[in-house]
Amino acid sequence: MWIVRYAIAAVLIIALLGFTIQNSYQRVIINIGAKTYEDVPLMFVIFIAFCVGIIFWFVISVVQYLRLSGQLADQKRKLRNLSEELTTLRNLPLEETEEKSGEKS
């Protein structure tokens, strides 16, 4: 599965590079809030957008990793508690069984 993920990432990066090389001479105007930037190379805009996307992806991945680690820790704690309970139940004396067998005799 990781091979497919890396192959898709490689294809996307190659496509991004091809697109930027074909449009390397394009100039654009960028409006961000009250600021206007004129005569900005399109290649620079694409690169900045790509970097912002990677940072956004990284933050989302870290949050998801932390959430899943918390869930895993909770599950391990529940498993440990259930294992201890099972061990306790297995070690209970068999008094009830002996009493019932004594009544039948």
N, C-alpha and C. Protein backbone atom coordinates (compact mmCIF):
# COMPACT_ATOMS: atom_id res chain seq x y z
N MET A 1 0.82 -1.19 0.00
CA MET A 1 0.00 0.00 0.00
C MET A 1 0.87 1.26 0.00
N TRP A 2 2.00 1.20 0.70
CA TRP A 2 2.86 2.38 0.76
C TRP A 2 3.47 2.67 -0.60
N ILE A 3 3.66 1.64 -1.43
CA ILE A 3 4.22 1.86 -2.77
C ILE A 3 3.24 2.67 -3.61
N VAL A 4 1.97 2.35 -3.51
CA VAL A 4 0.95 3.09 -4.27
C VAL A 4 0.91 4.54 -3.81
N ARG A 5 0.99 4.76 -2.51
CA ARG A 5 0.96 6.12 -1.97
C ARG A 5 2.14 6.94 -2.49
N TYR A 6 3.34 6.34 -2.46
CA TYR A 6 4.52 7.06 -2.96
C TYR A 6 4.46 7.27 -4.46
N ALA A 7 3.90 6.32 -5.19
CA ALA A 7 3.78 6.47 -6.64
C ALA A 7 2.83 7.61 -6.98
N ILE A 8 1.72 7.70 -6.28
CA ILE A 8 0.77 8.79 -6.51
C ILE A 8 1.41 10.13 -6.15
N ALA A 9 2.14 10.18 -5.05
CA ALA A 9 2.82 11.42 -4.66
C ALA A 9 3.84 11.83 -5.70
N ALA A 10 4.60 10.86 -6.24
CA ALA A 10 5.60 11.16 -7.27
C ALA A 10 4.94 11.69 -8.53
N VAL A 11 3.83 11.08 -8.94
CA VAL A 11 3.12 11.54 -10.14
C VAL A 11 2.60 12.96 -9.93
N LEU A 12 2.06 13.25 -8.76
CA LEU A 12 1.56 14.60 -8.48
C LEU A 12 2.68 15.63 -8.48
N ILE A 13 3.80 15.30 -7.91
CA ILE A 13 4.93 16.24 -7.89
C ILE A 13 5.47 16.47 -9.30
N ILE A 14 5.56 15.41 -10.09
CA ILE A 14 6.03 15.56 -11.48
C ILE A 14 5.04 16.40 -12.28
N ALA A 15 3.74 16.19 -12.08
CA ALA A 15 2.74 17.00 -12.77
C ALA A 15 2.83 18.46 -12.34
N LEU A 16 3.05 18.70 -11.06
CA LEU A 16 3.20 20.07 -10.56
C LEU A 16 4.43 20.73 -11.18
N LEU A 17 5.53 20.01 -11.23
CA LEU A 17 6.75 20.56 -11.84
C LEU A 17 6.54 20.85 -13.33
N GLY A 18 5.90 19.92 -14.03
CA GLY A 18 5.63 20.14 -15.45
C GLY A 18 4.75 21.36 -15.68
N PHE A 19 3.73 21.50 -14.86
CA PHE A 19 2.83 22.65 -14.99
C PHE A 19 3.56 23.96 -14.72
N THR A 20 4.40 23.98 -13.70
CA THR A 20 5.11 25.22 -13.38
C THR A 20 6.16 25.56 -14.44
N ILE A 21 6.81 24.55 -14.99
CA ILE A 21 7.81 24.83 -16.03
C ILE A 21 7.14 25.39 -17.28
N GLN A 22 5.97 24.86 -17.63
CA GLN A 22 5.26 25.37 -18.81
C GLN A 22 4.77 26.79 -18.60
N ASN A 23 4.50 27.16 -17.36
CA ASN A 23 4.00 28.51 -17.07
C ASN A 23 5.04 29.36 -16.35
N SER A 24 6.30 29.10 -16.58
CA SER A 24 7.34 29.82 -15.84
C SER A 24 7.42 31.30 -16.20
N TYR A 25 6.93 31.68 -17.36
CA TYR A 25 7.03 33.08 -17.76
C TYR A 25 5.75 33.86 -17.47
N GLN A 26 4.77 33.22 -16.91
CA GLN A 26 3.50 33.88 -16.59
C GLN A 26 3.66 34.75 -15.35
N ARG A 27 3.05 35.90 -15.38
CA ARG A 27 3.02 36.82 -14.23
C ARG A 27 1.56 37.02 -13.83
N VAL A 28 1.31 37.08 -12.54
CA VAL A 28 -0.06 37.21 -12.05
C VAL A 28 -0.15 38.33 -11.02
N ILE A 29 -1.38 38.74 -10.74
CA ILE A 29 -1.67 39.73 -9.70
C ILE A 29 -2.36 38.99 -8.56
N ILE A 30 -1.88 39.18 -7.35
CA ILE A 30 -2.45 38.49 -6.19
C ILE A 30 -3.06 39.51 -5.25
N ASN A 31 -4.32 39.27 -4.87
CA ASN A 31 -5.02 40.10 -3.90
C ASN A 31 -5.21 39.29 -2.62
N ILE A 32 -4.56 39.72 -1.55
CA ILE A 32 -4.70 39.07 -0.25
C ILE A 32 -5.20 40.13 0.72
N GLY A 33 -6.48 40.06 1.03
CA GLY A 33 -7.06 41.06 1.92
C GLY A 33 -6.96 42.44 1.30
N ALA A 34 -6.32 43.36 2.01
CA ALA A 34 -6.16 44.73 1.53
C ALA A 34 -4.89 44.90 0.70
N LYS A 35 -4.04 43.89 0.67
CA LYS A 35 -2.77 43.97 -0.06
C LYS A 35 -2.95 43.45 -1.48
N THR A 36 -2.26 44.10 -2.42
CA THR A 36 -2.24 43.65 -3.81
C THR A 36 -0.78 43.54 -4.24
N TYR A 37 -0.44 42.36 -4.74
CA TYR A 37 0.91 42.11 -5.24
C TYR A 37 0.81 41.96 -6.75
N GLU A 38 1.55 42.79 -7.46
CA GLU A 38 1.51 42.75 -8.92
C GLU A 38 2.79 42.15 -9.47
N ASP A 39 2.67 41.58 -10.63
CA ASP A 39 3.80 41.04 -11.38
C ASP A 39 4.56 39.96 -10.58
N VAL A 40 3.79 39.03 -10.01
CA VAL A 40 4.37 37.92 -9.25
C VAL A 40 4.46 36.71 -10.18
N PRO A 41 5.60 36.03 -10.24
CA PRO A 41 5.71 34.85 -11.11
C PRO A 41 4.76 33.75 -10.65
N LEU A 42 4.08 33.15 -11.62
CA LEU A 42 3.12 32.08 -11.32
C LEU A 42 3.82 30.89 -10.66
N MET A 43 5.06 30.62 -11.06
CA MET A 43 5.81 29.51 -10.48
C MET A 43 5.98 29.72 -8.97
N PHE A 44 6.22 30.95 -8.55
CA PHE A 44 6.37 31.27 -7.13
C PHE A 44 5.06 31.05 -6.39
N VAL A 45 3.95 31.47 -6.99
CA VAL A 45 2.63 31.31 -6.37
C VAL A 45 2.30 29.83 -6.20
N ILE A 46 2.58 29.03 -7.23
CA ILE A 46 2.32 27.59 -7.15
C ILE A 46 3.19 26.95 -6.08
N PHE A 47 4.45 27.35 -6.02
CA PHE A 47 5.35 26.79 -5.01
C PHE A 47 4.87 27.13 -3.60
N ILE A 48 4.47 28.37 -3.37
CA ILE A 48 3.98 28.78 -2.05
C ILE A 48 2.70 28.02 -1.70
N ALA A 49 1.79 27.87 -2.66
CA ALA A 49 0.56 27.12 -2.41
C ALA A 49 0.87 25.67 -2.08
N PHE A 50 1.84 25.09 -2.76
CA PHE A 50 2.25 23.71 -2.50
C PHE A 50 2.82 23.59 -1.09
N CYS A 51 3.67 24.53 -0.68
CA CYS A 51 4.26 24.50 0.66
C CYS A 51 3.19 24.66 1.74
N VAL A 52 2.25 25.56 1.52
CA VAL A 52 1.16 25.75 2.49
C VAL A 52 0.33 24.47 2.60
N GLY A 53 0.08 23.81 1.47
CA GLY A 53 -0.66 22.55 1.48
C GLY A 53 0.08 21.47 2.25
N ILE A 54 1.39 21.40 2.09
CA ILE A 54 2.18 20.40 2.82
C ILE A 54 2.14 20.68 4.32
N ILE A 55 2.26 21.94 4.70
CA ILE A 55 2.21 22.29 6.12
C ILE A 55 0.84 21.95 6.70
N PHE A 56 -0.23 22.27 5.96
CA PHE A 56 -1.58 21.96 6.40
C PHE A 56 -1.75 20.44 6.56
N TRP A 57 -1.27 19.67 5.59
CA TRP A 57 -1.34 18.21 5.66
C TRP A 57 -0.58 17.69 6.88
N PHE A 58 0.59 18.26 7.15
CA PHE A 58 1.40 17.83 8.29
C PHE A 58 0.67 18.07 9.60
N VAL A 59 0.07 19.24 9.75
CA VAL A 59 -0.65 19.56 10.99
C VAL A 59 -1.83 18.60 11.18
N ILE A 60 -2.59 18.36 10.12
CA ILE A 60 -3.72 17.43 10.19
C ILE A 60 -3.23 16.03 10.56
N SER A 61 -2.12 15.60 9.96
CA SER A 61 -1.57 14.27 10.25
C SER A 61 -1.12 14.14 11.69
N VAL A 62 -0.49 15.18 12.23
CA VAL A 62 -0.04 15.14 13.63
C VAL A 62 -1.24 15.05 14.56
N VAL A 63 -2.28 15.83 14.29
CA VAL A 63 -3.48 15.79 15.12
C VAL A 63 -4.12 14.40 15.07
N GLN A 64 -4.21 13.84 13.87
CA GLN A 64 -4.79 12.50 13.72
C GLN A 64 -3.93 11.46 14.43
N TYR A 65 -2.62 11.57 14.33
CA TYR A 65 -1.72 10.63 15.00
C TYR A 65 -1.89 10.69 16.51
N LEU A 66 -1.97 11.91 17.06
CA LEU A 66 -2.14 12.06 18.50
C LEU A 66 -3.49 11.50 18.96
N ARG A 67 -4.53 11.73 18.16
CA ARG A 67 -5.85 11.20 18.50
C ARG A 67 -5.84 9.67 18.50
N LEU A 68 -5.23 9.08 17.48
CA LEU A 68 -5.17 7.63 17.40
C LEU A 68 -4.29 7.03 18.50
N SER A 69 -3.21 7.73 18.87
CA SER A 69 -2.38 7.22 19.97
C SER A 69 -3.15 7.25 21.28
N GLY A 70 -3.96 8.27 21.49
CA GLY A 70 -4.79 8.32 22.69
C GLY A 70 -5.80 7.18 22.72
N GLN A 71 -6.42 6.91 21.57
CA GLN A 71 -7.37 5.80 21.50
C GLN A 71 -6.66 4.47 21.75
N LEU A 72 -5.47 4.32 21.20
CA LEU A 72 -4.71 3.08 21.41
C LEU A 72 -4.35 2.90 22.88
N ALA A 73 -3.95 3.98 23.54
CA ALA A 73 -3.63 3.90 24.97
C ALA A 73 -4.87 3.52 25.78
N ASP A 74 -6.03 4.09 25.43
CA ASP A 74 -7.27 3.73 26.12
C ASP A 74 -7.59 2.25 25.93
N GLN A 75 -7.44 1.76 24.71
CA GLN A 75 -7.72 0.35 24.44
C GLN A 75 -6.76 -0.57 25.18
N LYS A 76 -5.49 -0.18 25.25
CA LYS A 76 -4.52 -0.99 26.00
C LYS A 76 -4.87 -1.02 27.48
N ARG A 77 -5.30 0.12 28.02
CA ARG A 77 -5.69 0.19 29.43
C ARG A 77 -6.91 -0.70 29.69
N LYS A 78 -7.90 -0.65 28.79
CA LYS A 78 -9.08 -1.49 28.95
C LYS A 78 -8.71 -2.97 28.85
N LEU A 79 -7.83 -3.31 27.92
CA LEU A 79 -7.39 -4.69 27.77
C LEU A 79 -6.68 -5.18 29.02
N ARG A 80 -5.82 -4.35 29.58
CA ARG A 80 -5.11 -4.72 30.80
C ARG A 80 -6.09 -4.94 31.95
N ASN A 81 -7.07 -4.04 32.09
CA ASN A 81 -8.07 -4.18 33.16
C ASN A 81 -8.89 -5.46 32.98
N LEU A 82 -9.29 -5.73 31.74
CA LEU A 82 -10.07 -6.94 31.49
C LEU A 82 -9.24 -8.20 31.71
N SER A 83 -7.97 -8.16 31.37
CA SER A 83 -7.09 -9.32 31.61
C SER A 83 -6.93 -9.56 33.11
N GLU A 84 -6.77 -8.48 33.87
CA GLU A 84 -6.67 -8.62 35.33
C GLU A 84 -7.97 -9.18 35.91
N GLU A 85 -9.10 -8.71 35.40
CA GLU A 85 -10.39 -9.22 35.88
C GLU A 85 -10.54 -10.70 35.54
N LEU A 86 -10.15 -11.08 34.35
CA LEU A 86 -10.23 -12.49 33.95
C LEU A 86 -9.32 -13.35 34.82
N THR A 87 -8.12 -12.88 35.10
CA THR A 87 -7.20 -13.62 35.96
C THR A 87 -7.79 -13.76 37.36
N THR A 88 -8.40 -12.70 37.86
CA THR A 88 -9.03 -12.74 39.18
C THR A 88 -10.17 -13.76 39.20
N LEU A 89 -10.99 -13.76 38.16
CA LEU A 89 -12.10 -14.71 38.10
C LEU A 89 -11.61 -16.15 37.97
N ARG A 90 -10.54 -16.35 37.27
CA ARG A 90 -9.99 -17.71 37.13
C ARG A 90 -9.43 -18.22 38.45
N ASN A 91 -8.95 -17.34 39.29
CA ASN A 91 -8.32 -17.73 40.55
C ASN A 91 -9.30 -17.81 41.72
N LEU A 92 -10.58 -17.56 41.48
CA LEU A 92 -11.57 -17.66 42.55
C LEU A 92 -11.66 -19.11 43.01
N PRO A 93 -11.90 -19.32 44.29
CA PRO A 93 -12.06 -20.70 44.77
C PRO A 93 -13.33 -21.32 44.22
N LEU A 94 -13.35 -22.61 44.10
CA LEU A 94 -14.48 -23.32 43.53
C LEU A 94 -15.43 -23.80 44.63
N GLU A 95 -15.73 -22.97 45.60
CA GLU A 95 -16.58 -23.33 46.73
C GLU A 95 -18.00 -23.62 46.29
N GLU A 96 -18.53 -22.80 45.42
CA GLU A 96 -19.91 -22.99 44.98
C GLU A 96 -20.06 -24.33 44.26
N THR A 97 -19.12 -24.69 43.47
CA THR A 97 -19.18 -25.94 42.73
C THR A 97 -19.12 -27.12 43.69
N GLU A 98 -18.27 -27.05 44.71
CA GLU A 98 -18.15 -28.13 45.68
C GLU A 98 -19.42 -28.27 46.50
N GLU A 99 -20.07 -27.16 46.85
CA GLU A 99 -21.31 -27.21 47.62
C GLU A 99 -22.41 -27.85 46.80
N LYS A 100 -22.50 -27.50 45.52
CA LYS A 100 -23.53 -28.07 44.66
C LYS A 100 -23.32 -29.55 44.46
N SER A 101 -22.07 -29.97 44.31
CA SER A 101 -21.79 -31.40 44.12
C SER A 101 -22.08 -32.17 45.40
N GLY A 102 -21.90 -31.55 46.57
CA GLY A 102 -22.20 -32.18 47.85
C GLY A 102 -23.69 -32.37 48.05
N GLU A 103 -24.51 -31.49 47.56
CA GLU A 103 -25.95 -31.59 47.69
C GLU A 103 -26.50 -32.70 46.82
N LYS A 104 -25.90 -32.94 45.68
CA LYS A 104 -26.37 -33.97 44.76
C LYS A 104 -26.06 -35.37 45.27
N SER A 105 -25.01 -35.55 46.05
CA SER A 105 -24.60 -36.89 46.51
C SER A 105 -25.52 -37.46 47.54
